[in-house]
Amino acid sequence: MTNKVKITYSSYTNGDLRADTVKVGNDWGCDFYKNGEFIKNELYKGHSESYAEEDRKSTRLNSSHRC
Protein backbone atom coordinates (compact mmCIF):
# COMPACT_ATOMS: atom_id res chain seq x y z
CA MET A 1 0.00 0.00 0.00
CA THR A 2 1.40 3.38 -0.96
CA ASN A 3 0.97 6.48 1.14
CA LYS A 4 -0.31 9.31 -1.07
CA VAL A 5 0.39 12.89 -0.07
CA LYS A 6 -2.29 15.53 -0.63
CA ILE A 7 -1.02 18.85 -1.96
CA THR A 8 -3.24 21.95 -2.11
CA TYR A 9 -2.53 24.05 -5.21
CA SER A 10 -5.11 26.83 -4.97
CA SER A 11 -8.17 27.94 -3.02
CA TYR A 12 -11.27 29.99 -3.61
CA THR A 13 -13.40 31.48 -0.85
CA ASN A 14 -16.96 32.76 -1.20
CA GLY A 15 -18.40 33.87 2.13
CA ASP A 16 -18.38 30.84 4.43
CA LEU A 17 -17.55 28.43 1.58
CA ARG A 18 -14.06 27.39 0.43
CA ALA A 19 -12.96 25.09 -2.35
CA ASP A 20 -9.35 23.89 -2.69
CA THR A 21 -7.81 22.36 -5.80
CA VAL A 22 -5.74 19.38 -4.62
CA LYS A 23 -3.55 16.64 -6.02
CA VAL A 24 -3.40 13.20 -4.37
CA GLY A 25 -0.82 10.97 -6.01
CA ASN A 26 -1.52 11.41 -9.74
CA ASP A 27 -5.17 12.41 -9.26
CA TRP A 28 -6.54 15.97 -9.22
CA GLY A 29 -9.60 16.96 -7.24
CA CYS A 30 -11.27 19.41 -4.89
CA ASP A 31 -11.79 19.66 -1.15
CA PHE A 32 -14.90 21.55 -0.06
CA TYR A 33 -15.37 23.38 3.25
CA LYS A 34 -18.19 25.31 4.92
CA ASN A 35 -17.49 27.57 7.90
CA GLY A 36 -13.96 26.15 7.95
CA GLU A 37 -15.29 22.60 8.38
CA PHE A 38 -14.38 19.93 5.83
CA ILE A 39 -17.46 18.79 3.88
CA LYS A 40 -16.14 16.42 1.21
CA ASN A 41 -13.41 15.57 -1.27
CA GLU A 42 -13.93 14.82 -4.95
CA LEU A 43 -11.13 13.21 -6.98
CA TYR A 44 -11.27 13.26 -10.77
CA LYS A 45 -9.20 10.23 -11.79
CA GLY A 46 -7.79 10.54 -15.28
CA HIS A 47 -8.53 14.27 -15.48
CA SER A 48 -6.18 17.23 -15.52
CA GLU A 49 -5.46 20.08 -13.14
CA SER A 50 -7.50 22.40 -15.36
CA TYR A 51 -10.52 20.06 -15.03
CA ALA A 52 -10.26 20.24 -11.23
CA GLU A 53 -9.78 24.03 -11.40
CA GLU A 54 -12.94 24.41 -13.48
CA ASP A 55 -14.94 22.39 -10.96
CA ARG A 56 -13.54 24.47 -8.12
CA LYS A 57 -14.44 27.67 -9.99
CA SER A 58 -17.98 26.45 -10.62
CA THR A 59 -18.40 26.37 -6.84
CA ARG A 60 -18.38 30.17 -6.78
CA LEU A 61 -21.08 30.32 -9.46
CA ASN A 62 -23.40 27.80 -7.81
CA SER A 63 -22.06 27.14 -4.33
CA SER A 64 -25.34 25.79 -3.01
CA HIS A 65 -24.97 22.47 -4.86
CA ARG A 66 -21.86 21.52 -2.88
CA CYS A 67 -22.85 21.82 0.76
C-alpha atoms as a PDB file:
ATOM      1  CA  MET A   1       0.000   0.000   0.000  1.00  0.00           C
ATOM      2  CA  THR A   2       1.396   3.378  -0.964  1.00  0.00           C
ATOM      3  CA  ASN A   3       0.966   6.479   1.139  1.00  0.00           C
ATOM      4  CA  LYS A   4      -0.311   9.313  -1.066  1.00  0.00           C
ATOM      5  CA  VAL A   5       0.394  12.893  -0.075  1.00  0.00           C
ATOM      6  CA  LYS A   6      -2.290  15.526  -0.633  1.00  0.00           C
ATOM      7  CA  ILE A   7      -1.021  18.848  -1.959  1.00  0.00           C
ATOM      8  CA  THR A   8      -3.239  21.949  -2.106  1.00  0.00           C
ATOM      9  CA  TYR A   9      -2.529  24.054  -5.206  1.00  0.00           C
ATOM     10  CA  SER A  10      -5.114  26.832  -4.972  1.00  0.00           C
ATOM     11  CA  SER A  11      -8.166  27.944  -3.019  1.00  0.00           C
ATOM     12  CA  TYR A  12     -11.271  29.992  -3.608  1.00  0.00           C
ATOM     13  CA  THR A  13     -13.402  31.481  -0.848  1.00  0.00           C
ATOM     14  CA  ASN A  14     -16.962  32.759  -1.204  1.00  0.00           C
ATOM     15  CA  GLY A  15     -18.396  33.873   2.133  1.00  0.00           C
ATOM     16  CA  ASP A  16     -18.384  30.843   4.426  1.00  0.00           C
ATOM     17  CA  LEU A  17     -17.545  28.428   1.580  1.00  0.00           C
ATOM     18  CA  ARG A  18     -14.063  27.389   0.432  1.00  0.00           C
ATOM     19  CA  ALA A  19     -12.960  25.086  -2.349  1.00  0.00           C
ATOM     20  CA  ASP A  20      -9.353  23.892  -2.693  1.00  0.00           C
ATOM     21  CA  THR A  21      -7.812  22.362  -5.804  1.00  0.00           C
ATOM     22  CA  VAL A  22      -5.743  19.383  -4.619  1.00  0.00           C
ATOM     23  CA  LYS A  23      -3.554  16.639  -6.023  1.00  0.00           C
ATOM     24  CA  VAL A  24      -3.399  13.205  -4.367  1.00  0.00           C
ATOM     25  CA  GLY A  25      -0.820  10.972  -6.014  1.00  0.00           C
ATOM     26  CA  ASN A  26      -1.520  11.409  -9.737  1.00  0.00           C
ATOM     27  CA  ASP A  27      -5.167  12.406  -9.263  1.00  0.00           C
ATOM     28  CA  TRP A  28      -6.542  15.966  -9.219  1.00  0.00           C
ATOM     29  CA  GLY A  29      -9.596  16.961  -7.244  1.00  0.00           C
ATOM     30  CA  CYS A  30     -11.273  19.412  -4.895  1.00  0.00           C
ATOM     31  CA  ASP A  31     -11.788  19.665  -1.149  1.00  0.00           C
ATOM     32  CA  PHE A  32     -14.903  21.547  -0.064  1.00  0.00           C
ATOM     33  CA  TYR A  33     -15.370  23.383   3.254  1.00  0.00           C
ATOM     34  CA  LYS A  34     -18.187  25.307   4.916  1.00  0.00           C
ATOM     35  CA  ASN A  35     -17.494  27.575   7.896  1.00  0.00           C
ATOM     36  CA  GLY A  36     -13.961  26.145   7.949  1.00  0.00           C
ATOM     37  CA  GLU A  37     -15.292  22.600   8.376  1.00  0.00           C
ATOM     38  CA  PHE A  38     -14.379  19.926   5.830  1.00  0.00           C
ATOM     39  CA  ILE A  39     -17.462  18.786   3.881  1.00  0.00           C
ATOM     40  CA  LYS A  40     -16.139  16.422   1.207  1.00  0.00           C
ATOM     41  CA  ASN A  41     -13.411  15.568  -1.269  1.00  0.00           C
ATOM     42  CA  GLU A  42     -13.931  14.816  -4.947  1.00  0.00           C
ATOM     43  CA  LEU A  43     -11.132  13.207  -6.976  1.00  0.00           C
ATOM     44  CA  TYR A  44     -11.272  13.263 -10.774  1.00  0.00           C
ATOM     45  CA  LYS A  45      -9.198  10.232 -11.792  1.00  0.00           C
ATOM     46  CA  GLY A  46      -7.793  10.540 -15.277  1.00  0.00           C
ATOM     47  CA  HIS A  47      -8.530  14.271 -15.482  1.00  0.00           C
ATOM     48  CA  SER A  48      -6.182  17.226 -15.521  1.00  0.00           C
ATOM     49  CA  GLU A  49      -5.456  20.084 -13.139  1.00  0.00           C
ATOM     50  CA  SER A  50      -7.503  22.395 -15.362  1.00  0.00           C
ATOM     51  CA  TYR A  51     -10.516  20.060 -15.033  1.00  0.00           C
ATOM     52  CA  ALA A  52     -10.263  20.239 -11.232  1.00  0.00           C
ATOM     53  CA  GLU A  53      -9.778  24.028 -11.395  1.00  0.00           C
ATOM     54  CA  GLU A  54     -12.942  24.413 -13.480  1.00  0.00           C
ATOM     55  CA  ASP A  55     -14.942  22.387 -10.964  1.00  0.00           C
ATOM     56  CA  ARG A  56     -13.543  24.465  -8.115  1.00  0.00           C
ATOM     57  CA  LYS A  57     -14.443  27.667  -9.989  1.00  0.00           C
ATOM     58  CA  SER A  58     -17.984  26.446 -10.618  1.00  0.00           C
ATOM     59  CA  THR A  59     -18.402  26.372  -6.843  1.00  0.00           C
ATOM     60  CA  ARG A  60     -18.380  30.171  -6.783  1.00  0.00           C
ATOM     61  CA  LEU A  61     -21.078  30.317  -9.458  1.00  0.00           C
ATOM     62  CA  ASN A  62     -23.404  27.805  -7.815  1.00  0.00           C
ATOM     63  CA  SER A  63     -22.061  27.144  -4.334  1.00  0.00           C
ATOM     64  CA  SER A  64     -25.345  25.788  -3.011  1.00  0.00           C
ATOM     65  CA  HIS A  65     -24.966  22.473  -4.863  1.00  0.00           C
ATOM     66  CA  ARG A  66     -21.864  21.523  -2.881  1.00  0.00           C
ATOM     67  CA  CYS A  67     -22.850  21.817   0.756  1.00  0.00           C
END
